[in-house]
Protein backbone atom coordinates (compact mmCIF):
# COMPACT_ATOMS: atom_id res chain seq x y z
CA UNK A 1 0.00 0.00 0.00
CA UNK A 2 1.35 3.38 -0.97
CA UNK A 3 1.52 5.82 1.91
CA UNK A 4 0.50 9.46 1.44
CA UNK A 5 3.54 11.67 1.69
CA UNK A 6 3.06 14.43 4.21
CA UNK A 7 4.74 17.79 4.56
CA UNK A 8 4.59 20.83 6.79
CA UNK A 9 1.80 23.27 5.90
CA UNK A 10 2.91 26.02 3.54
CA UNK A 11 1.12 29.33 4.24
CA UNK A 12 1.72 30.59 0.70
CA UNK A 13 -0.10 27.61 -0.79
CA UNK A 14 -2.96 27.98 1.69
CA UNK A 15 -3.47 31.60 0.66
CA UNK A 16 -3.81 30.49 -2.95
CA UNK A 17 -6.78 28.28 -1.96
CA UNK A 18 -8.65 30.63 0.33
CA UNK A 19 -9.30 34.34 0.57
CA UNK A 20 -10.77 36.36 3.37
CA UNK A 21 -13.79 38.52 2.63
CA UNK A 22 -13.39 42.14 3.58
CA UNK A 23 -15.88 42.94 6.34
CA UNK A 24 -18.75 45.24 5.34
CA UNK A 25 -19.41 47.86 8.00
CA UNK A 26 -22.76 48.83 6.46
CA UNK A 27 -25.24 46.83 8.52
CA UNK A 28 -28.17 47.15 6.12
CA UNK A 29 -26.11 46.09 3.12
CA UNK A 30 -24.59 43.19 5.06
CA UNK A 31 -28.05 42.12 6.21
CA UNK A 32 -29.55 42.19 2.74
CA UNK A 33 -26.61 40.47 1.04
CA UNK A 34 -27.01 37.59 3.49
CA UNK A 35 -30.57 37.04 2.21
CA UNK A 36 -30.50 34.46 -0.57
CA UNK A 37 -34.25 33.76 -0.73
CA UNK A 38 -37.52 35.51 -0.02
CA UNK A 39 -37.79 33.31 3.07
CA UNK A 40 -34.51 34.84 4.28
CA UNK A 41 -35.95 38.34 3.77
CA UNK A 42 -39.05 37.27 5.69
CA UNK A 43 -36.91 36.12 8.63
CA UNK A 44 -35.08 39.47 8.69
CA UNK A 45 -38.37 41.35 8.42
CA UNK A 46 -39.81 39.43 11.36
CA UNK A 47 -36.82 40.36 13.54
CA UNK A 48 -36.97 44.04 12.64
CA UNK A 49 -40.71 44.77 12.59
CA UNK A 50 -43.19 44.95 15.49
CA UNK A 51 -45.51 41.98 15.61
CA UNK A 52 -48.71 43.83 14.66
CA UNK A 53 -47.21 45.26 11.47
CA UNK A 54 -45.44 42.02 10.55
CA UNK A 55 -48.54 39.90 11.16
CA UNK A 56 -50.65 42.20 9.00
CA UNK A 57 -48.32 41.38 6.10
CA UNK A 58 -47.70 37.75 6.95
CA UNK A 59 -51.17 36.71 7.99
CA UNK A 60 -54.33 35.74 6.15
CA UNK A 61 -57.99 35.05 6.93
CA UNK A 62 -59.29 32.70 9.63
CA UNK A 63 -57.25 29.47 9.60
CA UNK A 64 -55.02 30.80 6.79
CA UNK A 65 -55.75 27.68 4.73
CA UNK A 66 -56.09 29.55 1.41
CA UNK A 67 -52.62 31.03 1.75
CA UNK A 68 -51.05 27.75 2.84
CA UNK A 69 -52.68 25.90 -0.05
CA UNK A 70 -51.55 28.54 -2.57
CA UNK A 71 -47.95 28.21 -1.44
CA UNK A 72 -48.19 24.43 -1.37
CA UNK A 73 -49.52 24.47 -4.94
CA UNK A 74 -46.31 26.09 -6.15
CA UNK A 75 -44.23 23.69 -4.07
CA UNK A 76 -46.12 20.81 -5.72
CA UNK A 77 -44.67 21.56 -9.15
CA UNK A 78 -42.58 19.18 -11.18
CA UNK A 79 -40.47 20.74 -13.93
CA UNK A 80 -39.54 18.94 -17.16
CA UNK A 81 -36.31 20.34 -18.62
CA UNK A 82 -35.07 19.98 -22.18
CA UNK A 83 -31.49 18.71 -22.13
CA UNK A 84 -28.74 19.61 -24.59
CA UNK A 85 -30.60 22.81 -25.40
CA UNK A 86 -28.34 25.75 -24.45
CA UNK A 87 -30.00 28.80 -22.91
CA UNK A 88 -27.03 31.10 -22.49
CA UNK A 89 -28.77 34.43 -23.00
CA UNK A 90 -32.15 34.51 -21.27
CA UNK A 91 -34.78 37.12 -22.10
CA UNK A 92 -37.14 37.65 -19.14
CA UNK A 93 -39.13 40.50 -20.69
CA UNK A 94 -42.84 40.36 -21.56
CA UNK A 95 -45.54 42.55 -23.04
CA UNK A 96 -48.55 42.99 -20.78
CA UNK A 97 -51.59 45.22 -21.16
CA UNK A 98 -50.09 47.14 -24.04
CA UNK A 99 -46.71 47.85 -22.51
CA UNK A 100 -43.37 46.28 -21.62
CA UNK A 101 -42.10 44.73 -18.41
CA UNK A 102 -38.49 43.66 -18.01
CA UNK A 103 -39.60 40.75 -15.83
CA UNK A 104 -42.73 38.56 -15.85
CA UNK A 105 -43.92 39.99 -12.54
CA UNK A 106 -44.97 43.32 -11.09
CA UNK A 107 -45.65 44.66 -7.61
CA UNK A 108 -49.17 44.00 -6.33
CA UNK A 109 -51.25 46.56 -4.40
CA UNK A 110 -50.79 46.52 -0.64
CA UNK A 111 -52.47 48.63 2.03
CA UNK A 112 -50.98 50.22 5.17
CA UNK A 113 -47.57 49.98 3.53
CA UNK A 114 -45.77 52.78 5.37
CA UNK A 115 -46.58 51.10 8.67
CA UNK A 116 -44.41 48.16 7.57
CA UNK A 117 -41.48 50.52 6.88
CA UNK A 118 -41.66 54.26 6.52
CA UNK A 119 -40.50 54.46 2.88
CA UNK A 120 -43.61 52.50 1.95
CA UNK A 121 -45.01 52.72 -1.57
CA UNK A 122 -42.34 55.22 -2.65
CA UNK A 123 -39.72 52.52 -2.11
CA UNK A 124 -41.79 50.01 -4.08
CA UNK A 125 -42.43 52.41 -6.94
CA UNK A 126 -38.80 53.47 -7.10
CA UNK A 127 -37.56 49.88 -7.11
CA UNK A 128 -40.10 48.99 -9.80
CA UNK A 129 -38.89 51.92 -11.90
CA UNK A 130 -35.28 50.78 -11.58
CA UNK A 131 -36.20 47.21 -12.52
CA UNK A 132 -38.50 48.18 -15.39
CA UNK A 133 -41.62 46.50 -13.97
CA UNK A 134 -45.11 47.82 -13.12
CA UNK A 135 -46.02 49.07 -9.65
CA UNK A 136 -49.59 48.96 -8.30
CA UNK A 137 -50.89 51.43 -5.71
CA UNK A 138 -53.74 50.35 -3.44
CA UNK A 139 -56.81 52.42 -2.63
CA UNK A 140 -55.71 51.84 0.98
CA UNK A 141 -52.15 52.93 0.25
CA UNK A 142 -50.27 55.29 2.53
CA UNK A 143 -48.65 57.30 -0.28
CA UNK A 144 -50.65 59.50 -2.61
CA UNK A 145 -51.28 58.81 -6.26
CA UNK A 146 -49.25 61.88 -7.13
CA UNK A 147 -46.29 60.92 -4.92
CA UNK A 148 -46.15 57.44 -6.47
CA UNK A 149 -46.04 59.08 -9.87
CA UNK A 150 -43.14 61.23 -8.65
CA UNK A 151 -41.29 58.12 -7.44
CA UNK A 152 -41.86 56.35 -10.76
CA UNK A 153 -42.23 59.19 -13.27
CA UNK A 154 -41.30 57.30 -16.43
CA UNK A 155 -42.34 53.76 -15.50
CA UNK A 156 -45.67 51.94 -15.47
CA UNK A 157 -47.98 52.76 -12.57
CA UNK A 158 -51.23 50.85 -11.99
CA UNK A 159 -54.01 51.69 -9.52
CA UNK A 160 -56.12 49.21 -7.55
CA UNK A 161 -59.68 50.39 -6.94
CA UNK A 162 -62.17 49.48 -4.24
CA UNK A 163 -65.70 50.61 -5.09
CA UNK A 164 -66.91 52.23 -1.87
CA UNK A 165 -70.31 52.87 -0.40
CA UNK A 166 -69.78 56.53 -1.26
CA UNK A 167 -69.23 56.12 -4.99
CA UNK A 168 -68.00 59.69 -5.37
CA UNK A 169 -64.83 58.82 -3.43
CA UNK A 170 -64.02 55.98 -5.84
CA UNK A 171 -64.81 58.14 -8.87
CA UNK A 172 -62.47 60.83 -7.57
CA UNK A 173 -59.64 58.29 -7.21
CA UNK A 174 -60.20 57.08 -10.77
CA UNK A 175 -59.96 60.66 -12.06
CA UNK A 176 -56.78 61.36 -10.07
CA UNK A 177 -55.09 58.16 -11.27
CA UNK A 178 -55.96 58.99 -14.87
CA UNK A 179 -54.69 62.57 -14.48
CA UNK A 180 -51.40 61.24 -13.05
CA UNK A 181 -50.86 59.03 -16.09
CA UNK A 182 -51.48 55.62 -14.51
CA UNK A 183 -52.00 53.22 -17.40
CA UNK A 184 -54.00 50.37 -15.80
CA UNK A 185 -56.84 50.17 -13.28
CA UNK A 186 -57.42 47.03 -11.21
CA UNK A 187 -61.12 46.85 -10.34
CA UNK A 188 -61.22 44.63 -7.24
CA UNK A 189 -64.20 42.29 -6.80
CA UNK A 190 -63.23 39.88 -4.00
CA UNK A 191 -63.79 42.24 -1.06
CA UNK A 192 -67.51 42.94 -0.65
CA UNK A 193 -66.85 42.76 3.10
CA UNK A 194 -63.69 42.31 5.15
CA UNK A 195 -62.32 38.84 5.71
CA UNK A 196 -61.74 37.68 9.29
CA UNK A 197 -58.03 38.40 9.72
CA UNK A 198 -57.62 37.00 13.20
CA UNK A 199 -54.00 38.01 13.73
CA UNK A 200 -55.02 41.65 13.22
CA UNK A 201 -57.89 41.36 15.67
CA UNK A 202 -55.63 39.85 18.31
CA UNK A 203 -52.97 42.52 17.74
CA UNK A 204 -55.42 45.45 17.70
CA UNK A 205 -54.04 46.41 14.30
CA UNK A 206 -55.37 49.73 12.99
CA UNK A 207 -54.36 53.14 11.70
CA UNK A 208 -53.46 54.84 13.94
CA UNK A 209 -52.12 51.82 15.90
CA UNK A 210 -54.16 50.93 18.99
CA UNK A 211 -51.34 50.48 21.47
CA UNK A 212 -51.51 48.00 24.32
CA UNK A 213 -48.88 47.02 26.85
CA UNK A 214 -48.09 43.98 24.73
CA UNK A 215 -47.63 45.89 21.48
CA UNK A 216 -45.50 48.52 23.22
CA UNK A 217 -43.24 45.87 24.74
CA UNK A 218 -42.95 44.06 21.41
CA UNK A 219 -42.01 47.27 19.62
CA UNK A 220 -39.74 48.60 22.37
CA UNK A 221 -36.91 46.28 21.38
CA UNK A 222 -37.08 47.67 17.82
CA UNK A 223 -36.06 51.31 18.34
CA UNK A 224 -35.24 51.77 14.66
CA UNK A 225 -38.91 51.20 13.78
CA UNK A 226 -40.06 53.73 16.40
CA UNK A 227 -37.52 56.26 15.12
CA UNK A 228 -38.86 55.90 11.60
CA UNK A 229 -42.47 56.02 12.80
CA UNK A 230 -42.07 59.11 14.98
CA UNK A 231 -39.79 61.20 12.75
CA UNK A 232 -41.62 60.88 9.43
CA UNK A 233 -44.94 62.31 8.16
CA UNK A 234 -48.17 61.20 9.81
CA UNK A 235 -49.29 57.71 8.85
CA UNK A 236 -52.65 57.79 7.10
CA UNK A 237 -54.49 56.54 4.06
CA UNK A 238 -53.01 59.04 1.69
CA UNK A 239 -55.78 58.91 -0.90
CA UNK A 240 -58.66 58.88 1.62
CA UNK A 241 -59.76 61.59 4.00
CA UNK A 242 -61.11 59.51 6.91
CA UNK A 243 -59.30 56.85 8.92
CA UNK A 244 -59.73 55.13 12.26
CA UNK A 245 -60.75 51.78 13.66
CA UNK A 246 -59.49 48.30 13.00
CA UNK A 247 -58.63 47.06 9.53
CA UNK A 248 -61.93 45.19 9.36
CA UNK A 249 -63.89 48.26 10.49
CA UNK A 250 -62.26 50.37 7.80
CA UNK A 251 -62.91 47.83 5.10
CA UNK A 252 -66.52 47.42 6.20
CA UNK A 253 -67.00 51.18 5.93
CA UNK A 254 -65.16 51.52 2.65
CA UNK A 255 -66.36 48.43 0.77
CA UNK A 256 -69.85 47.80 -0.54
CA UNK A 257 -71.36 44.31 -0.91
CA UNK A 258 -73.79 45.65 -3.52
CA UNK A 259 -71.16 46.31 -6.23
CA UNK A 260 -72.21 44.82 -9.56
CA UNK A 261 -71.61 44.78 -13.28
CA UNK A 262 -73.31 48.20 -13.41
CA UNK A 263 -70.47 49.62 -11.32
CA UNK A 264 -67.97 47.98 -13.63
CA UNK A 265 -69.67 49.64 -16.59
CA UNK A 266 -69.50 53.06 -14.90
CA UNK A 267 -65.79 52.72 -14.16
CA UNK A 268 -65.13 51.43 -17.68
CA UNK A 269 -66.76 54.60 -19.02
CA UNK A 270 -64.59 56.81 -16.82
CA UNK A 271 -61.23 55.11 -17.24
CA UNK A 272 -59.13 55.90 -20.34
CA UNK A 273 -56.55 53.13 -19.90
CA UNK A 274 -56.59 49.36 -19.50
CA UNK A 275 -59.20 47.94 -17.13
CA UNK A 276 -58.42 44.71 -15.27
CA UNK A 277 -60.71 42.84 -12.86
CA UNK A 278 -58.84 41.53 -9.81
CA UNK A 279 -60.14 38.70 -7.65
CA UNK A 280 -61.54 36.31 -10.26
CA UNK A 281 -61.98 32.80 -8.81
CA UNK A 282 -63.90 30.74 -11.37
CA UNK A 283 -63.80 29.85 -15.05
CA UNK A 284 -67.38 31.05 -15.53
CA UNK A 285 -66.64 34.51 -14.11
CA UNK A 286 -63.45 34.78 -16.16
CA UNK A 287 -65.38 34.12 -19.35
CA UNK A 288 -68.24 36.46 -18.44
CA UNK A 289 -65.90 39.34 -17.58
CA UNK A 290 -63.89 39.03 -20.77
CA UNK A 291 -67.14 38.91 -22.75
CA UNK A 292 -68.11 42.14 -20.96
CA UNK A 293 -65.08 43.82 -22.48
CA UNK A 294 -62.49 44.09 -19.71
CA UNK A 295 -58.87 44.12 -20.83
CA UNK A 296 -57.61 41.48 -18.43
CA UNK A 297 -58.12 39.40 -15.30
CA UNK A 298 -56.18 38.70 -12.13
CA UNK A 299 -56.85 35.21 -10.78
CA UNK A 300 -56.55 35.93 -7.07
CA UNK A 301 -58.02 35.05 -3.70
CA UNK A 302 -56.61 38.27 -2.24
CA UNK A 303 -53.57 36.52 -0.85
CA UNK A 304 -55.80 34.28 1.23
CA UNK A 305 -56.98 37.34 3.17
CA UNK A 306 -60.69 37.23 2.35
CA UNK A 307 -62.54 33.91 1.92
CA UNK A 308 -60.58 31.13 3.59
CA UNK A 309 -60.67 27.85 1.64
CA UNK A 310 -61.10 29.86 -1.59
CA UNK A 311 -59.85 28.35 -4.87
CA UNK A 312 -56.09 28.33 -5.42
CA UNK A 313 -55.40 30.73 -8.33
CA UNK A 314 -52.46 28.69 -9.63
CA UNK A 315 -54.67 25.58 -9.77
CA UNK A 316 -57.38 27.55 -11.58
CA UNK A 317 -55.01 28.94 -14.20
CA UNK A 318 -54.88 26.06 -16.74
CA UNK A 319 -58.67 25.71 -16.90
CA UNK A 320 -59.15 29.46 -17.35
CA UNK A 321 -56.52 29.65 -20.06
CA UNK A 322 -58.08 26.72 -21.91
CA UNK A 323 -61.52 28.34 -21.79
CA UNK A 324 -60.62 31.94 -22.72
CA UNK A 325 -58.00 31.20 -25.37
CA UNK A 326 -54.44 32.33 -25.90
CA UNK A 327 -55.04 36.03 -26.52
CA UNK A 328 -56.75 37.02 -23.26
CA UNK A 329 -54.66 38.67 -20.55
CA UNK A 330 -54.79 36.37 -17.53
CA UNK A 331 -52.61 37.29 -14.56
CA UNK A 332 -52.03 35.39 -11.31
CA UNK A 333 -51.16 36.33 -7.75
CA UNK A 334 -51.20 34.70 -4.28
CA UNK A 335 -48.48 32.46 -2.90
CA UNK A 336 -45.52 33.48 -5.09
CA UNK A 337 -42.34 33.24 -3.03
CA UNK A 338 -39.75 32.10 -5.58
CA UNK A 339 -38.82 32.92 -9.15
CA UNK A 340 -39.54 29.29 -10.01
CA UNK A 341 -43.17 29.96 -9.00
CA UNK A 342 -43.28 32.74 -11.59
CA UNK A 343 -41.79 30.46 -14.25
CA UNK A 344 -44.32 27.72 -13.48
CA UNK A 345 -47.23 30.16 -13.76
CA UNK A 346 -45.97 31.57 -17.06
CA UNK A 347 -45.50 28.05 -18.45
CA UNK A 348 -49.09 27.14 -17.60
CA UNK A 349 -50.50 30.14 -19.41
CA UNK A 350 -50.24 33.21 -17.19
CA UNK A 351 -49.73 36.47 -19.04
CA UNK A 352 -48.12 38.03 -15.97
CA UNK A 353 -47.79 37.57 -12.21
CA UNK A 354 -47.95 39.89 -9.20
CA UNK A 355 -46.04 39.75 -5.91
CA UNK A 356 -47.31 41.23 -2.66
CA UNK A 357 -45.86 39.71 0.51
CA UNK A 358 -42.47 39.08 -1.12
CA UNK A 359 -42.19 42.81 -1.81
CA UNK A 360 -43.24 43.73 1.72
CA UNK A 361 -40.76 41.32 3.31
CA UNK A 362 -38.00 43.12 1.41
CA UNK A 363 -39.38 46.51 2.42
CA UNK A 364 -39.43 45.56 6.12
CA UNK A 365 -35.96 44.04 5.86
CA UNK A 366 -34.31 47.11 4.37
CA UNK A 367 -36.52 49.80 2.86
CA UNK A 368 -35.92 50.64 -0.78
CA UNK A 369 -32.75 48.54 -0.86
CA UNK A 370 -34.72 45.62 0.52
CA UNK A 371 -37.26 45.89 -2.29
CA UNK A 372 -34.39 45.99 -4.78
CA UNK A 373 -33.09 42.81 -3.13
CA UNK A 374 -36.49 41.11 -3.46
CA UNK A 375 -36.58 41.85 -7.18
CA UNK A 376 -32.99 40.71 -7.67
CA UNK A 377 -33.59 37.41 -5.81
CA UNK A 378 -36.67 36.65 -7.91
CA UNK A 379 -34.93 37.71 -11.12
CA UNK A 380 -31.96 35.42 -10.47
CA UNK A 381 -34.28 32.50 -9.63
CA UNK A 382 -36.26 33.07 -12.82
CA UNK A 383 -33.13 33.18 -14.98
CA UNK A 384 -31.62 30.10 -13.31
CA UNK A 385 -34.85 28.10 -13.64
CA UNK A 386 -35.22 29.04 -17.31
CA UNK A 387 -31.63 28.06 -18.08
CA UNK A 388 -32.06 24.72 -16.33
CA UNK A 389 -35.25 24.12 -18.33
CA UNK A 390 -33.45 24.95 -21.55
CA UNK A 391 -35.57 27.95 -22.53
CA UNK A 392 -34.20 31.31 -23.64
CA UNK A 393 -37.33 33.46 -23.40
CA UNK A 394 -40.62 33.57 -21.54
CA UNK A 395 -42.41 32.89 -24.82
CA UNK A 396 -40.66 29.49 -25.06
CA UNK A 397 -42.25 28.27 -21.82
CA UNK A 398 -45.04 25.79 -22.46
CA UNK A 399 -47.41 23.66 -20.34
CA UNK A 400 -45.25 20.62 -21.13
CA UNK A 401 -42.53 22.11 -18.93
CA UNK A 402 -44.68 21.82 -15.80
CA UNK A 403 -46.78 19.22 -14.01
CA UNK A 404 -49.03 20.32 -11.15
CA UNK A 405 -48.88 17.54 -8.57
CA UNK A 406 -52.16 17.19 -6.70
CA UNK A 407 -52.72 16.81 -2.98
CA UNK A 408 -56.31 18.02 -2.90
CA UNK A 409 -58.63 16.18 -5.30
CA UNK A 410 -62.44 16.52 -5.29
CA UNK A 411 -64.21 13.47 -3.85
CA UNK A 412 -66.38 11.54 -6.23
């Protein structure tokens, strides 16, 4: 047996094999660079954000089954790559609703956003502008329509509309969004009343926050959040004049269970840009809405925040696409936490996807830079997944690349 010849360690040779990373004294940059996934950003966000604000982002309705099922649906994907098919240069751009997007996802509308982190929607809009993707402002946003336009002056801004009991408020928002040059309106139909968001009820979540001894103690160990909260402009619904009460109270006052196709017709007559209906949850409604002349649909169960046990949008997607044909604009949200989720949705027929919680996790983790990090993580995951599948553009993705594995099958 030949013995291995040993020698004294040689420092010069060791230095050729290893190098020491220069320490980064910028805590935010170091924190964000350590995040390799959206789950990593979520963990950072949870450490840095008071429980009430974090739970508002992280939570869903009642038992949170809709959200869990939506995320599980993306986990239950099997990809089918093409081998020996080089995909060196990958094109992630798409055309959606008459305009370009550098990536096959945009930022979804989120309410209360400046409570998560004080830069709020301005950070989201600015990051979207830098990435070349659309940004959507919520009716319940905490930055005005005009300030979002200022943060994203040359990019694509979309506005999400709740039709309120006082219709004149909604009509005024439509007019302001049009005047500011927003190109798409998302008419939301899945919120006739507020869902039972139990985490918010337990935390006393509202604007302004309803402080208790527990919430104060939880926030006390996060002085950076208090500094931001107390040294920046008053937190309020920037596009609405009246606030107060719990989230559910506000939604119950603002939303109207009587909204109908007549309201859709009125808004269609007012709005000069593209009109999308958000919150579609059945094939029949998808077909009816497109027949009514809307420009697109968002298959969504509101991130699991309204009707618990609602249909999973990603599961619904293939049937809707088959029914409405290839030309209809069909977008998907809810449950997207990885660029591979976006790729799977695009392969099964989505025209576009929207991210909500993933964006807010980045915002809570590091403000504008955190949102940039969210977009970069998802972009790199999309590119890597496409290369491993052997596709060079979004248009090359096909249903054959994906199998949806089923855990929940109807009985009988």
